[in-house]
Amino acid sequence: MTDRPVILLAAHGERGGAAKNERLAEITEAVGKALPEADVGSVLVNVEGLVAKTLAACGDRPVLCLPLLFSDGHFYEQRLKPHFSSAQKLAPPLALWRSFGPFLADNLALRLISHSADPRVVLVAHGSKTPGRSAECARKVAAQLQARYGRVEVGFLEEAPFASDVMAKVEPPYSCIGLFLGEGLHGGVDFDVLVSSAPTAAAAAFTAGELPGLPSLIAAEARERLG
């Protein structure tokens, strides 16, 4: 029996499009290379019972779960939190890490380096038919971006204000950031349609999951939490 720590990257799992969760697999592999002192794997929270089975397979080894989620709502509270104890640590979701907002801001700055002024920002999140934690967490990320960019507006896929309406009204120049990890239904299809159908083109448009520095951010969070 090994006492090497296990780092579990928890993600929702794709809906449509990239059905094999390729991006999550790529991120997991990159984080594993950055953390040779641990065994890094992933778990999908949209598969009923998979979290419990995965933790059981870890036995008595120390476990740190880093949820690559953008809210602490239903999937965090119902599919992750009940399965963790003090011996198996559960971190807050990615959107609530103190490093996440500055990470997005830095990446946006790199993409706007040729612009003479920072544009407005539209932050696109999933939201929920029952407004709650998804919207609240997105607004917390927006508040972090607000400190660096003059005006940040939040739009959602499933609740008002809808992202399509926000993007139809925003004054250019503006940038668009999607709080999505994968490139399936929401992070690929929905986000791409929003950007391509907007009345005016965004100066920059990207999702959090496609940023090349994300594995390094995750690895740094893991090291800090492992102590």
C-alpha atoms as a PDB file:
ATOM      1  CA  MET A   1       0.000   0.000   0.000  1.00  0.00           C
ATOM      2  CA  THR A   2       1.417   3.366  -1.038  1.00  0.00           C
ATOM      3  CA  ASP A   3       0.985   6.601   0.879  1.00  0.00           C
ATOM      4  CA  ARG A   4       1.476   8.754  -2.229  1.00  0.00           C
ATOM      5  CA  PRO A   5      -1.262  11.393  -2.297  1.00  0.00           C
ATOM      6  CA  VAL A   6      -4.030  11.217  -4.858  1.00  0.00           C
ATOM      7  CA  ILE A   7      -5.150  14.385  -6.630  1.00  0.00           C
ATOM      8  CA  LEU A   8      -8.631  14.050  -8.103  1.00  0.00           C
ATOM      9  CA  LEU A   9      -9.775  16.616 -10.642  1.00  0.00           C
ATOM     10  CA  ALA A  10     -13.565  16.623 -10.538  1.00  0.00           C
ATOM     11  CA  ALA A  11     -15.485  17.931 -13.525  1.00  0.00           C
ATOM     12  CA  HIS A  12     -19.099  17.892 -14.599  1.00  0.00           C
ATOM     13  CA  GLY A  13     -18.506  15.912 -17.787  1.00  0.00           C
ATOM     14  CA  GLU A  14     -19.398  16.837 -21.352  1.00  0.00           C
ATOM     15  CA  ARG A  15     -22.921  17.137 -22.676  1.00  0.00           C
ATOM     16  CA  GLY A  16     -22.785  16.653 -26.417  1.00  0.00           C
ATOM     17  CA  GLY A  17     -19.871  17.475 -28.700  1.00  0.00           C
ATOM     18  CA  ALA A  18     -16.620  16.333 -27.100  1.00  0.00           C
ATOM     19  CA  ALA A  19     -18.278  13.278 -25.547  1.00  0.00           C
ATOM     20  CA  LYS A  20     -15.021  11.625 -24.506  1.00  0.00           C
ATOM     21  CA  ASN A  21     -14.007  14.548 -22.273  1.00  0.00           C
ATOM     22  CA  GLU A  22     -10.757  15.044 -24.177  1.00  0.00           C
ATOM     23  CA  ARG A  23      -9.950  18.391 -22.595  1.00  0.00           C
ATOM     24  CA  LEU A  24     -10.308  17.023 -19.074  1.00  0.00           C
ATOM     25  CA  ALA A  25      -8.001  14.142 -20.024  1.00  0.00           C
ATOM     26  CA  GLU A  26      -5.419  16.592 -21.405  1.00  0.00           C
ATOM     27  CA  ILE A  27      -5.567  18.754 -18.281  1.00  0.00           C
ATOM     28  CA  THR A  28      -5.264  15.704 -16.022  1.00  0.00           C
ATOM     29  CA  GLU A  29      -2.207  14.478 -17.922  1.00  0.00           C
ATOM     30  CA  ALA A  30      -0.538  17.909 -17.770  1.00  0.00           C
ATOM     31  CA  VAL A  31      -1.200  18.290 -14.029  1.00  0.00           C
ATOM     32  CA  GLY A  32       0.165  14.781 -13.467  1.00  0.00           C
ATOM     33  CA  LYS A  33       3.417  15.729 -15.190  1.00  0.00           C
ATOM     34  CA  ALA A  34       3.648  18.874 -13.058  1.00  0.00           C
ATOM     35  CA  LEU A  35       3.088  16.894  -9.831  1.00  0.00           C
ATOM     36  CA  PRO A  36       5.355  13.826  -9.957  1.00  0.00           C
ATOM     37  CA  GLU A  37       4.998  13.452  -6.194  1.00  0.00           C
ATOM     38  CA  ALA A  38       1.291  12.534  -6.515  1.00  0.00           C
ATOM     39  CA  ASP A  39      -1.004  10.333  -8.568  1.00  0.00           C
ATOM     40  CA  VAL A  40      -3.395  12.551 -10.538  1.00  0.00           C
ATOM     41  CA  GLY A  41      -6.724  11.330 -11.875  1.00  0.00           C
ATOM     42  CA  SER A  42     -10.152  12.663 -12.735  1.00  0.00           C
ATOM     43  CA  VAL A  43     -13.751  11.927 -11.820  1.00  0.00           C
ATOM     44  CA  LEU A  44     -17.024  12.980 -13.470  1.00  0.00           C
ATOM     45  CA  VAL A  45     -19.695  14.242 -11.118  1.00  0.00           C
ATOM     46  CA  ASN A  46     -22.534  13.775 -13.604  1.00  0.00           C
ATOM     47  CA  VAL A  47     -22.117  10.002 -13.416  1.00  0.00           C
ATOM     48  CA  GLU A  48     -24.197   8.734 -10.498  1.00  0.00           C
ATOM     49  CA  GLY A  49     -22.144   6.876  -7.892  1.00  0.00           C
ATOM     50  CA  LEU A  50     -18.778   7.395  -9.589  1.00  0.00           C
ATOM     51  CA  VAL A  51     -17.331   9.708  -6.911  1.00  0.00           C
ATOM     52  CA  ALA A  52     -18.015   7.179  -4.139  1.00  0.00           C
ATOM     53  CA  LYS A  53     -16.488   4.327  -6.168  1.00  0.00           C
ATOM     54  CA  THR A  54     -13.410   6.380  -7.009  1.00  0.00           C
ATOM     55  CA  LEU A  55     -12.790   7.377  -3.393  1.00  0.00           C
ATOM     56  CA  ALA A  56     -13.284   3.778  -2.246  1.00  0.00           C
ATOM     57  CA  ALA A  57     -10.621   2.687  -4.745  1.00  0.00           C
ATOM     58  CA  CYS A  58      -8.172   5.138  -3.139  1.00  0.00           C
ATOM     59  CA  GLY A  59      -8.381   3.223   0.144  1.00  0.00           C
ATOM     60  CA  ASP A  60      -6.500   4.902   2.996  1.00  0.00           C
ATOM     61  CA  ARG A  61      -4.331   7.061   0.761  1.00  0.00           C
ATOM     62  CA  PRO A  62      -4.500  10.834   1.301  1.00  0.00           C
ATOM     63  CA  VAL A  63      -6.846  12.381  -1.249  1.00  0.00           C
ATOM     64  CA  LEU A  64      -7.237  15.977  -2.379  1.00  0.00           C
ATOM     65  CA  CYS A  65     -10.106  16.718  -4.735  1.00  0.00           C
ATOM     66  CA  LEU A  66      -9.910  19.889  -6.814  1.00  0.00           C
ATOM     67  CA  PRO A  67     -13.334  20.547  -8.371  1.00  0.00           C
ATOM     68  CA  LEU A  68     -12.941  22.121 -11.806  1.00  0.00           C
ATOM     69  CA  LEU A  69     -16.406  23.599 -11.386  1.00  0.00           C
ATOM     70  CA  PHE A  70     -17.639  27.159 -11.628  1.00  0.00           C
ATOM     71  CA  SER A  71     -20.026  27.138  -8.700  1.00  0.00           C
ATOM     72  CA  ASP A  72     -20.586  25.463  -5.342  1.00  0.00           C
ATOM     73  CA  GLY A  73     -24.187  24.649  -6.226  1.00  0.00           C
ATOM     74  CA  HIS A  74     -25.977  21.334  -6.838  1.00  0.00           C
ATOM     75  CA  PHE A  75     -23.149  19.187  -8.187  1.00  0.00           C
ATOM     76  CA  TYR A  76     -20.675  20.412  -5.591  1.00  0.00           C
ATOM     77  CA  GLU A  77     -23.076  20.070  -2.672  1.00  0.00           C
ATOM     78  CA  GLN A  78     -24.866  16.875  -3.701  1.00  0.00           C
ATOM     79  CA  ARG A  79     -22.390  14.859  -5.793  1.00  0.00           C
ATOM     80  CA  LEU A  80     -19.083  15.764  -4.103  1.00  0.00           C
ATOM     81  CA  LYS A  81     -19.362  17.129  -0.576  1.00  0.00           C
ATOM     82  CA  PRO A  82     -21.249  14.211   1.055  1.00  0.00           C
ATOM     83  CA  HIS A  83     -18.440  11.781   0.163  1.00  0.00           C
ATOM     84  CA  PHE A  84     -15.555  13.652   1.801  1.00  0.00           C
ATOM     85  CA  SER A  85     -14.251  13.638   5.349  1.00  0.00           C
ATOM     86  CA  SER A  86     -11.304  15.298   7.034  1.00  0.00           C
ATOM     87  CA  ALA A  87      -9.037  12.520   5.743  1.00  0.00           C
ATOM     88  CA  GLN A  88     -10.134  13.063   2.146  1.00  0.00           C
ATOM     89  CA  LYS A  89      -9.996  16.767   1.430  1.00  0.00           C
ATOM     90  CA  LEU A  90     -12.384  18.627  -0.845  1.00  0.00           C
ATOM     91  CA  ALA A  91     -11.264  22.058  -2.062  1.00  0.00           C
ATOM     92  CA  PRO A  92     -13.676  24.823  -3.094  1.00  0.00           C
ATOM     93  CA  PRO A  93     -14.640  24.933  -6.771  1.00  0.00           C
ATOM     94  CA  LEU A  94     -12.223  26.471  -9.271  1.00  0.00           C
ATOM     95  CA  ALA A  95     -14.264  29.670  -9.610  1.00  0.00           C
ATOM     96  CA  LEU A  96     -13.773  30.449  -5.903  1.00  0.00           C
ATOM     97  CA  TRP A  97      -9.999  29.970  -5.748  1.00  0.00           C
ATOM     98  CA  ARG A  98      -8.356  33.285  -4.975  1.00  0.00           C
ATOM     99  CA  SER A  99      -5.980  32.692  -7.891  1.00  0.00           C
ATOM    100  CA  PHE A 100      -8.705  32.192 -10.506  1.00  0.00           C
ATOM    101  CA  GLY A 101      -9.911  35.759 -11.082  1.00  0.00           C
ATOM    102  CA  PRO A 102      -6.351  37.143 -11.481  1.00  0.00           C
ATOM    103  CA  PHE A 103      -5.576  34.207 -13.799  1.00  0.00           C
ATOM    104  CA  LEU A 104      -8.439  35.180 -16.123  1.00  0.00           C
ATOM    105  CA  ALA A 105      -7.456  38.850 -15.948  1.00  0.00           C
ATOM    106  CA  ASP A 106      -3.827  38.087 -16.849  1.00  0.00           C
ATOM    107  CA  ASN A 107      -4.837  35.951 -19.807  1.00  0.00           C
ATOM    108  CA  LEU A 108      -7.213  38.611 -21.077  1.00  0.00           C
ATOM    109  CA  ALA A 109      -4.477  41.227 -20.776  1.00  0.00           C
ATOM    110  CA  LEU A 110      -2.168  39.092 -22.936  1.00  0.00           C
ATOM    111  CA  ARG A 111      -4.816  38.840 -25.638  1.00  0.00           C
ATOM    112  CA  LEU A 112      -5.423  42.588 -25.589  1.00  0.00           C
ATOM    113  CA  ILE A 113      -1.793  43.657 -25.636  1.00  0.00           C
ATOM    114  CA  SER A 114      -2.205  45.371 -29.015  1.00  0.00           C
ATOM    115  CA  HIS A 115      -5.173  47.456 -27.831  1.00  0.00           C
ATOM    116  CA  SER A 116      -4.648  50.962 -26.537  1.00  0.00           C
ATOM    117  CA  ALA A 117      -7.423  50.640 -23.958  1.00  0.00           C
ATOM    118  CA  ASP A 118      -8.965  47.720 -22.083  1.00  0.00           C
ATOM    119  CA  PRO A 119     -12.446  46.930 -23.365  1.00  0.00           C
ATOM    120  CA  ARG A 120     -15.544  46.048 -21.437  1.00  0.00           C
ATOM    121  CA  VAL A 121     -15.878  42.395 -20.431  1.00  0.00           C
ATOM    122  CA  VAL A 122     -18.863  40.073 -20.815  1.00  0.00           C
ATOM    123  CA  LEU A 123     -18.538  37.054 -18.515  1.00  0.00           C
ATOM    124  CA  VAL A 124     -20.694  34.145 -19.694  1.00  0.00           C
ATOM    125  CA  ALA A 125     -21.773  31.468 -17.199  1.00  0.00           C
ATOM    126  CA  HIS A 126     -24.223  28.597 -17.176  1.00  0.00           C
ATOM    127  CA  GLY A 127     -26.727  29.870 -14.641  1.00  0.00           C
ATOM    128  CA  SER A 128     -29.748  27.851 -13.598  1.00  0.00           C
ATOM    129  CA  LYS A 129     -33.486  27.749 -14.183  1.00  0.00           C
ATOM    130  CA  THR A 130     -33.679  28.260 -10.417  1.00  0.00           C
ATOM    131  CA  PRO A 131     -31.351  31.230  -9.752  1.00  0.00           C
ATOM    132  CA  GLY A 132     -28.803  30.496  -7.060  1.00  0.00           C
ATOM    133  CA  ARG A 133     -25.171  29.584  -6.584  1.00  0.00           C
ATOM    134  CA  SER A 134     -24.179  29.423 -10.245  1.00  0.00           C
ATOM    135  CA  ALA A 135     -25.063  33.084 -10.710  1.00  0.00           C
ATOM    136  CA  GLU A 136     -23.609  34.114  -7.350  1.00  0.00           C
ATOM    137  CA  CYS A 137     -20.254  32.473  -8.046  1.00  0.00           C
ATOM    138  CA  ALA A 138     -20.074  34.023 -11.526  1.00  0.00           C
ATOM    139  CA  ARG A 139     -20.669  37.436 -10.001  1.00  0.00           C
ATOM    140  CA  LYS A 140     -17.826  36.845  -7.534  1.00  0.00           C
ATOM    141  CA  VAL A 141     -15.491  36.147 -10.443  1.00  0.00           C
ATOM    142  CA  ALA A 142     -16.807  39.276 -12.174  1.00  0.00           C
ATOM    143  CA  ALA A 143     -16.056  41.331  -9.062  1.00  0.00           C
ATOM    144  CA  GLN A 144     -12.421  40.172  -9.204  1.00  0.00           C
ATOM    145  CA  LEU A 145     -12.175  41.143 -12.875  1.00  0.00           C
ATOM    146  CA  GLN A 146     -13.838  44.466 -12.123  1.00  0.00           C
ATOM    147  CA  ALA A 147     -10.814  45.544 -10.134  1.00  0.00           C
ATOM    148  CA  ARG A 148      -8.754  45.424 -13.325  1.00  0.00           C
ATOM    149  CA  TYR A 149     -11.238  46.103 -16.113  1.00  0.00           C
ATOM    150  CA  GLY A 150     -13.574  49.071 -16.022  1.00  0.00           C
ATOM    151  CA  ARG A 151     -16.858  47.341 -16.623  1.00  0.00           C
ATOM    152  CA  VAL A 152     -17.763  43.663 -16.319  1.00  0.00           C
ATOM    153  CA  GLU A 153     -21.228  42.361 -17.113  1.00  0.00           C
ATOM    154  CA  VAL A 154     -22.437  38.818 -16.478  1.00  0.00           C
ATOM    155  CA  GLY A 155     -24.755  36.902 -18.809  1.00  0.00           C
ATOM    156  CA  PHE A 156     -26.123  33.387 -18.446  1.00  0.00           C
ATOM    157  CA  LEU A 157     -27.247  30.519 -20.648  1.00  0.00           C
ATOM    158  CA  GLU A 158     -30.188  29.493 -18.472  1.00  0.00           C
ATOM    159  CA  GLU A 159     -31.333  32.554 -16.515  1.00  0.00           C
ATOM    160  CA  ALA A 160     -31.693  36.291 -16.915  1.00  0.00           C
ATOM    161  CA  PRO A 161     -29.843  38.350 -17.847  1.00  0.00           C
ATOM    162  CA  PHE A 162     -29.254  36.031 -20.789  1.00  0.00           C
ATOM    163  CA  ALA A 163     -25.816  36.163 -22.360  1.00  0.00           C
ATOM    164  CA  SER A 164     -27.240  36.770 -25.840  1.00  0.00           C
ATOM    165  CA  ASP A 165     -29.075  39.871 -24.590  1.00  0.00           C
ATOM    166  CA  VAL A 166     -26.017  41.209 -22.776  1.00  0.00           C
ATOM    167  CA  MET A 167     -23.837  40.754 -25.858  1.00  0.00           C
ATOM    168  CA  ALA A 168     -26.439  42.379 -28.084  1.00  0.00           C
ATOM    169  CA  LYS A 169     -26.371  45.541 -25.965  1.00  0.00           C
ATOM    170  CA  VAL A 170     -22.722  45.844 -24.945  1.00  0.00           C
ATOM    171  CA  GLU A 171     -20.774  48.746 -26.404  1.00  0.00           C
ATOM    172  CA  PRO A 172     -17.612  47.841 -28.296  1.00  0.00           C
ATOM    173  CA  PRO A 173     -14.801  47.327 -27.736  1.00  0.00           C
ATOM    174  CA  TYR A 174     -15.558  44.367 -25.486  1.00  0.00           C
ATOM    175  CA  SER A 175     -14.192  40.933 -24.677  1.00  0.00           C
ATOM    176  CA  CYS A 176     -16.075  37.730 -23.882  1.00  0.00           C
ATOM    177  CA  ILE A 177     -14.977  35.091 -21.361  1.00  0.00           C
ATOM    178  CA  GLY A 178     -16.852  31.808 -20.894  1.00  0.00           C
ATOM    179  CA  LEU A 179     -16.834  30.040 -17.536  1.00  0.00           C
ATOM    180  CA  PHE A 180     -16.744  26.594 -19.133  1.00  0.00           C
ATOM    181  CA  LEU A 181     -14.137  23.852 -18.837  1.00  0.00           C
ATOM    182  CA  GLY A 182     -14.796  21.543 -21.774  1.00  0.00           C
ATOM    183  CA  GLU A 183     -15.496  22.027 -25.448  1.00  0.00           C
ATOM    184  CA  GLY A 184     -18.778  20.148 -25.669  1.00  0.00           C
ATOM    185  CA  LEU A 185     -22.298  21.597 -25.648  1.00  0.00           C
ATOM    186  CA  HIS A 186     -21.747  24.696 -23.482  1.00  0.00           C
ATOM    187  CA  GLY A 187     -18.029  25.415 -23.791  1.00  0.00           C
ATOM    188  CA  GLY A 188     -18.023  24.685 -27.508  1.00  0.00           C
ATOM    189  CA  VAL A 189     -21.366  24.934 -29.281  1.00  0.00           C
ATOM    190  CA  ASP A 190     -23.226  27.435 -27.074  1.00  0.00           C
ATOM    191  CA  PHE A 191     -20.266  29.732 -26.502  1.00  0.00           C
ATOM    192  CA  ASP A 192     -19.210  29.668 -30.152  1.00  0.00           C
ATOM    193  CA  VAL A 193     -22.737  30.517 -31.301  1.00  0.00           C
ATOM    194  CA  LEU A 194     -22.929  33.414 -28.831  1.00  0.00           C
ATOM    195  CA  VAL A 195     -19.656  34.885 -30.061  1.00  0.00           C
ATOM    196  CA  SER A 196     -20.272  34.350 -33.774  1.00  0.00           C
ATOM    197  CA  SER A 197     -23.831  35.713 -33.703  1.00  0.00           C
ATOM    198  CA  ALA A 198     -23.128  38.850 -31.625  1.00  0.00           C
ATOM    199  CA  PRO A 199     -23.959  42.111 -33.447  1.00  0.00           C
ATOM    200  CA  THR A 200     -20.395  43.341 -32.970  1.00  0.00           C
ATOM    201  CA  ALA A 201     -17.258  41.195 -32.851  1.00  0.00           C
ATOM    202  CA  ALA A 202     -15.457  40.731 -29.552  1.00  0.00           C
ATOM    203  CA  ALA A 203     -11.857  41.939 -29.318  1.00  0.00           C
ATOM    204  CA  ALA A 204     -11.082  38.649 -27.558  1.00  0.00           C
ATOM    205  CA  ALA A 205     -13.210  35.601 -26.816  1.00  0.00           C
ATOM    206  CA  PHE A 206     -12.180  32.457 -24.951  1.00  0.00           C
ATOM    207  CA  THR A 207     -13.318  29.945 -22.341  1.00  0.00           C
ATOM    208  CA  ALA A 208     -11.449  29.233 -19.125  1.00  0.00           C
ATOM    209  CA  GLY A 209     -10.871  25.617 -20.091  1.00  0.00           C
ATOM    210  CA  GLU A 210      -8.926  26.417 -23.255  1.00  0.00           C
ATOM    211  CA  LEU A 211      -6.294  28.556 -21.533  1.00  0.00           C
ATOM    212  CA  PRO A 212      -2.880  26.861 -21.756  1.00  0.00           C
ATOM    213  CA  GLY A 213      -1.856  27.975 -18.266  1.00  0.00           C
ATOM    214  CA  LEU A 214      -4.775  26.235 -16.542  1.00  0.00           C
ATOM    215  CA  PRO A 215      -2.877  23.022 -15.654  1.00  0.00           C
ATOM    216  CA  SER A 216      -0.150  25.107 -13.993  1.00  0.00           C
ATOM    217  CA  LEU A 217      -2.774  26.993 -11.985  1.00  0.00           C
ATOM    218  CA  ILE A 218      -4.292  23.691 -10.853  1.00  0.00           C
ATOM    219  CA  ALA A 219      -0.905  22.216  -9.949  1.00  0.00           C
ATOM    220  CA  ALA A 220      -0.026  25.298  -7.883  1.00  0.00           C
ATOM    221  CA  GLU A 221      -3.362  25.055  -6.044  1.00  0.00           C
ATOM    222  CA  ALA A 222      -2.713  21.374  -5.337  1.00  0.00           C
ATOM    223  CA  ARG A 223       0.762  22.052  -3.920  1.00  0.00           C
ATOM    224  CA  GLU A 224      -0.541  24.824  -1.688  1.00  0.00           C
ATOM    225  CA  ARG A 225      -3.358  22.668  -0.331  1.00  0.00           C
ATOM    226  CA  LEU A 226      -1.109  19.649   0.203  1.00  0.00           C
ATOM    227  CA  GLY A 227       1.053  21.874   2.380  1.00  0.00           C
END
